[in-house]
Amino acid sequence: MQKFPMTVEGEEALRSELQQLKTVDRPRVIAAIAEAREHGDLKENAEYHAAREQQGFIEGRIQEIEGKLSNAQVIDIKTIPHSGKVLFGTTVRIINVETDEEVQYKIVGDDEADIKNNRISVSSPIARALIGKSEGDVVVVNIPSGVVEYEIDEVQHI
């Protein structure tokens, strides 16, 4: 069975979305279906078909979230002693060796990745290159435009 690594924040976000789907969205779409049924002929009732489609999406998302949560491997990086090593959940500041450009990323689960907020998936090329390395190491990352070398400047457990 596949485990889904996620941070504590990622688990909380999924649980919050699940709560929203079950307590707000699902009852709303059930009410919309009931209302559309009252309008008569279902074959040509656009509201009914739209509500049914939305219901299918909601039920599918609920199953997906419940599956991920039941197979979640929640990792609280704050409880792991700091060793200077890049691990899942750490925040890493890296410096492009060629350009001296500095960037900071938090390594998170696939569902939590958000490049705009510098949260990269553990399965991304950069994260895969960084995992297991230590502060001061230089890593080579293969990206679509070629190869980039980064020096690991700092690893934080935040």
C-alpha atoms as a PDB file:
ATOM      1  CA  MET A   1       0.000   0.000   0.000  1.00  0.00           C
ATOM      2  CA  GLN A   2       1.370   3.397  -0.974  1.00  0.00           C
ATOM      3  CA  LYS A   3       1.991   5.851   1.848  1.00  0.00           C
ATOM      4  CA  PHE A   4       1.446   9.550   1.203  1.00  0.00           C
ATOM      5  CA  PRO A   5       4.011  11.683   3.024  1.00  0.00           C
ATOM      6  CA  MET A   6       2.577  14.968   4.219  1.00  0.00           C
ATOM      7  CA  THR A   7       3.352  17.693   6.690  1.00  0.00           C
ATOM      8  CA  VAL A   8       1.169  18.428   9.702  1.00  0.00           C
ATOM      9  CA  GLU A   9      -0.153  21.520   7.848  1.00  0.00           C
ATOM     10  CA  GLY A  10      -0.944  19.395   4.778  1.00  0.00           C
ATOM     11  CA  GLU A  11      -2.934  16.919   6.851  1.00  0.00           C
ATOM     12  CA  GLU A  12      -4.861  19.766   8.507  1.00  0.00           C
ATOM     13  CA  ALA A  13      -5.671  21.301   5.101  1.00  0.00           C
ATOM     14  CA  LEU A  14      -7.006  17.975   3.766  1.00  0.00           C
ATOM     15  CA  ARG A  15      -9.090  17.384   6.911  1.00  0.00           C
ATOM     16  CA  SER A  16     -10.506  20.915   6.592  1.00  0.00           C
ATOM     17  CA  GLU A  17     -11.390  20.370   2.917  1.00  0.00           C
ATOM     18  CA  LEU A  18     -13.017  17.029   3.779  1.00  0.00           C
ATOM     19  CA  GLN A  19     -15.093  18.697   6.512  1.00  0.00           C
ATOM     20  CA  GLN A  20     -16.200  21.414   4.030  1.00  0.00           C
ATOM     21  CA  LEU A  21     -17.170  18.819   1.413  1.00  0.00           C
ATOM     22  CA  LYS A  22     -19.141  16.660   3.839  1.00  0.00           C
ATOM     23  CA  THR A  23     -20.902  19.347   5.867  1.00  0.00           C
ATOM     24  CA  VAL A  24     -21.449  22.160   3.342  1.00  0.00           C
ATOM     25  CA  ASP A  25     -20.954  21.127  -0.280  1.00  0.00           C
ATOM     26  CA  ARG A  26     -22.562  17.665  -0.193  1.00  0.00           C
ATOM     27  CA  PRO A  27     -25.804  18.821   1.525  1.00  0.00           C
ATOM     28  CA  ARG A  28     -26.017  21.830  -0.830  1.00  0.00           C
ATOM     29  CA  VAL A  29     -25.769  19.673  -3.972  1.00  0.00           C
ATOM     30  CA  ILE A  30     -28.263  17.122  -2.582  1.00  0.00           C
ATOM     31  CA  ALA A  31     -30.723  19.974  -2.026  1.00  0.00           C
ATOM     32  CA  ALA A  32     -30.082  21.254  -5.569  1.00  0.00           C
ATOM     33  CA  ILE A  33     -30.800  17.778  -7.001  1.00  0.00           C
ATOM     34  CA  ALA A  34     -34.041  17.539  -4.983  1.00  0.00           C
ATOM     35  CA  GLU A  35     -35.111  20.975  -6.191  1.00  0.00           C
ATOM     36  CA  ALA A  36     -34.296  20.139  -9.822  1.00  0.00           C
ATOM     37  CA  ARG A  37     -36.319  16.892  -9.546  1.00  0.00           C
ATOM     38  CA  GLU A  38     -39.371  18.930  -8.588  1.00  0.00           C
ATOM     39  CA  HIS A  39     -39.149  20.738 -11.939  1.00  0.00           C
ATOM     40  CA  GLY A  40     -40.294  17.622 -13.758  1.00  0.00           C
ATOM     41  CA  ASP A  41     -38.729  15.983 -16.842  1.00  0.00           C
ATOM     42  CA  LEU A  42     -35.142  15.074 -15.884  1.00  0.00           C
ATOM     43  CA  LYS A  43     -33.976  14.318 -19.439  1.00  0.00           C
ATOM     44  CA  GLU A  44     -33.983  17.965 -20.420  1.00  0.00           C
ATOM     45  CA  ASN A  45     -33.293  19.478 -17.012  1.00  0.00           C
ATOM     46  CA  ALA A  46     -29.895  21.223 -17.140  1.00  0.00           C
ATOM     47  CA  GLU A  47     -29.892  22.092 -13.418  1.00  0.00           C
ATOM     48  CA  TYR A  48     -30.434  18.440 -12.526  1.00  0.00           C
ATOM     49  CA  HIS A  49     -27.582  17.247 -14.751  1.00  0.00           C
ATOM     50  CA  ALA A  50     -25.236  19.969 -13.498  1.00  0.00           C
ATOM     51  CA  ALA A  51     -26.045  19.109  -9.875  1.00  0.00           C
ATOM     52  CA  ARG A  52     -25.530  15.390 -10.518  1.00  0.00           C
ATOM     53  CA  GLU A  53     -22.180  16.123 -12.145  1.00  0.00           C
ATOM     54  CA  GLN A  54     -21.152  18.273  -9.193  1.00  0.00           C
ATOM     55  CA  GLN A  55     -22.286  15.526  -6.820  1.00  0.00           C
ATOM     56  CA  GLY A  56     -20.062  13.042  -8.654  1.00  0.00           C
ATOM     57  CA  PHE A  57     -17.102  15.393  -8.334  1.00  0.00           C
ATOM     58  CA  ILE A  58     -17.724  15.962  -4.610  1.00  0.00           C
ATOM     59  CA  GLU A  59     -18.115  12.238  -3.859  1.00  0.00           C
ATOM     60  CA  GLY A  60     -14.969  11.459  -5.862  1.00  0.00           C
ATOM     61  CA  ARG A  61     -12.970  14.115  -4.013  1.00  0.00           C
ATOM     62  CA  ILE A  62     -14.246  12.855  -0.638  1.00  0.00           C
ATOM     63  CA  GLN A  63     -13.103   9.327  -1.505  1.00  0.00           C
ATOM     64  CA  GLU A  64      -9.732  10.621  -2.728  1.00  0.00           C
ATOM     65  CA  ILE A  65      -9.100  12.634   0.454  1.00  0.00           C
ATOM     66  CA  GLU A  66     -10.252   9.804   2.744  1.00  0.00           C
ATOM     67  CA  GLY A  67      -7.914   7.433   0.890  1.00  0.00           C
ATOM     68  CA  LYS A  68      -4.964   9.776   1.231  1.00  0.00           C
ATOM     69  CA  LEU A  69      -5.635  10.441   4.898  1.00  0.00           C
ATOM     70  CA  SER A  70      -5.973   6.736   5.669  1.00  0.00           C
ATOM     71  CA  ASN A  71      -2.595   6.139   4.008  1.00  0.00           C
ATOM     72  CA  ALA A  72      -0.975   9.343   5.230  1.00  0.00           C
ATOM     73  CA  GLN A  73       2.448   9.342   6.736  1.00  0.00           C
ATOM     74  CA  VAL A  74       2.353  12.627   8.644  1.00  0.00           C
ATOM     75  CA  ILE A  75       5.828  13.943   9.356  1.00  0.00           C
ATOM     76  CA  ASP A  76       6.283  16.743  11.894  1.00  0.00           C
ATOM     77  CA  ILE A  77       9.733  18.092  11.076  1.00  0.00           C
ATOM     78  CA  LYS A  78       9.777  20.096  14.318  1.00  0.00           C
ATOM     79  CA  THR A  79      10.044  16.838  16.295  1.00  0.00           C
ATOM     80  CA  ILE A  80      13.080  15.583  14.355  1.00  0.00           C
ATOM     81  CA  PRO A  81      16.493  16.666  15.698  1.00  0.00           C
ATOM     82  CA  HIS A  82      18.280  19.146  13.433  1.00  0.00           C
ATOM     83  CA  SER A  83      21.235  17.491  11.703  1.00  0.00           C
ATOM     84  CA  GLY A  84      21.809  19.860   8.793  1.00  0.00           C
ATOM     85  CA  LYS A  85      20.471  17.175   6.451  1.00  0.00           C
ATOM     86  CA  VAL A  86      17.702  17.819   3.941  1.00  0.00           C
ATOM     87  CA  LEU A  87      14.662  15.736   4.902  1.00  0.00           C
ATOM     88  CA  PHE A  88      10.982  15.729   3.992  1.00  0.00           C
ATOM     89  CA  GLY A  89       9.414  18.784   5.628  1.00  0.00           C
ATOM     90  CA  THR A  90      12.593  20.812   5.990  1.00  0.00           C
ATOM     91  CA  THR A  91      12.946  24.322   4.614  1.00  0.00           C
ATOM     92  CA  VAL A  92      16.083  24.604   2.517  1.00  0.00           C
ATOM     93  CA  ARG A  93      17.888  27.733   1.365  1.00  0.00           C
ATOM     94  CA  ILE A  94      19.941  27.023  -1.749  1.00  0.00           C
ATOM     95  CA  ILE A  95      22.211  29.222  -3.832  1.00  0.00           C
ATOM     96  CA  ASN A  96      22.621  28.867  -7.590  1.00  0.00           C
ATOM     97  CA  VAL A  97      26.385  28.325  -7.959  1.00  0.00           C
ATOM     98  CA  GLU A  98      26.483  30.095 -11.329  1.00  0.00           C
ATOM     99  CA  THR A  99      24.297  33.143 -10.636  1.00  0.00           C
ATOM    100  CA  ASP A 100      24.494  33.445  -6.804  1.00  0.00           C
ATOM    101  CA  GLU A 101      20.695  33.629  -6.863  1.00  0.00           C
ATOM    102  CA  GLU A 102      19.261  32.492  -3.539  1.00  0.00           C
ATOM    103  CA  VAL A 103      15.962  30.670  -3.140  1.00  0.00           C
ATOM    104  CA  GLN A 104      14.222  28.963  -0.230  1.00  0.00           C
ATOM    105  CA  TYR A 105      11.946  25.937  -0.556  1.00  0.00           C
ATOM    106  CA  LYS A 106       9.948  23.822   1.868  1.00  0.00           C
ATOM    107  CA  ILE A 107       9.830  20.170   0.805  1.00  0.00           C
ATOM    108  CA  VAL A 108       6.238  18.940   1.118  1.00  0.00           C
ATOM    109  CA  GLY A 109       3.865  16.221  -0.103  1.00  0.00           C
ATOM    110  CA  ASP A 110       2.428  16.241  -3.624  1.00  0.00           C
ATOM    111  CA  ASP A 111      -0.932  17.732  -2.513  1.00  0.00           C
ATOM    112  CA  GLU A 112       0.779  20.564  -0.656  1.00  0.00           C
ATOM    113  CA  ALA A 113       3.126  21.710  -3.411  1.00  0.00           C
ATOM    114  CA  ASP A 114       2.684  25.380  -4.323  1.00  0.00           C
ATOM    115  CA  ILE A 115       5.586  26.894  -6.220  1.00  0.00           C
ATOM    116  CA  LYS A 116       4.230  30.434  -5.756  1.00  0.00           C
ATOM    117  CA  ASN A 117       4.690  29.948  -2.007  1.00  0.00           C
ATOM    118  CA  ASN A 118       8.031  28.118  -2.411  1.00  0.00           C
ATOM    119  CA  ARG A 119       6.584  24.754  -1.394  1.00  0.00           C
ATOM    120  CA  ILE A 120       7.940  22.028  -3.679  1.00  0.00           C
ATOM    121  CA  SER A 121       6.812  18.435  -3.967  1.00  0.00           C
ATOM    122  CA  VAL A 122       9.073  15.763  -2.535  1.00  0.00           C
ATOM    123  CA  SER A 123       8.882  14.089  -5.958  1.00  0.00           C
ATOM    124  CA  SER A 124      10.098  17.184  -7.873  1.00  0.00           C
ATOM    125  CA  PRO A 125      13.554  17.060  -9.488  1.00  0.00           C
ATOM    126  CA  ILE A 126      14.962  19.702  -7.129  1.00  0.00           C
ATOM    127  CA  ALA A 127      13.650  17.986  -3.985  1.00  0.00           C
ATOM    128  CA  ARG A 128      14.863  14.558  -5.157  1.00  0.00           C
ATOM    129  CA  ALA A 129      18.336  16.014  -5.691  1.00  0.00           C
ATOM    130  CA  LEU A 130      18.353  17.705  -2.267  1.00  0.00           C
ATOM    131  CA  ILE A 131      16.963  14.918  -0.037  1.00  0.00           C
ATOM    132  CA  GLY A 132      19.707  13.295   2.028  1.00  0.00           C
ATOM    133  CA  LYS A 133      22.289  15.993   1.310  1.00  0.00           C
ATOM    134  CA  SER A 134      23.671  18.346   3.971  1.00  0.00           C
ATOM    135  CA  GLU A 135      24.399  22.030   4.470  1.00  0.00           C
ATOM    136  CA  GLY A 136      27.446  23.000   2.398  1.00  0.00           C
ATOM    137  CA  ASP A 137      26.899  20.256  -0.202  1.00  0.00           C
ATOM    138  CA  VAL A 138      26.657  21.148  -3.873  1.00  0.00           C
ATOM    139  CA  VAL A 139      23.901  19.302  -5.741  1.00  0.00           C
ATOM    140  CA  VAL A 140      23.346  18.950  -9.456  1.00  0.00           C
ATOM    141  CA  VAL A 141      19.731  19.256 -10.574  1.00  0.00           C
ATOM    142  CA  ASN A 142      18.538  18.184 -13.994  1.00  0.00           C
ATOM    143  CA  ILE A 143      15.797  20.552 -15.108  1.00  0.00           C
ATOM    144  CA  PRO A 144      14.085  20.828 -18.498  1.00  0.00           C
ATOM    145  CA  SER A 145      16.407  23.644 -19.589  1.00  0.00           C
ATOM    146  CA  GLY A 146      19.591  21.772 -18.623  1.00  0.00           C
ATOM    147  CA  VAL A 147      21.664  21.248 -15.504  1.00  0.00           C
ATOM    148  CA  VAL A 148      21.860  23.621 -12.536  1.00  0.00           C
ATOM    149  CA  GLU A 149      24.209  23.405  -9.559  1.00  0.00           C
ATOM    150  CA  TYR A 150      23.008  24.577  -6.161  1.00  0.00           C
ATOM    151  CA  GLU A 151      24.870  24.884  -2.886  1.00  0.00           C
ATOM    152  CA  ILE A 152      22.813  24.022   0.190  1.00  0.00           C
ATOM    153  CA  ASP A 153      23.190  27.114   2.367  1.00  0.00           C
ATOM    154  CA  GLU A 154      20.869  26.304   5.256  1.00  0.00           C
ATOM    155  CA  VAL A 155      18.431  23.592   6.372  1.00  0.00           C
ATOM    156  CA  GLN A 156      15.691  24.610   8.805  1.00  0.00           C
ATOM    157  CA  HIS A 157      13.157  22.592  10.780  1.00  0.00           C
ATOM    158  CA  ILE A 158      10.326  25.143  10.779  1.00  0.00           C
END
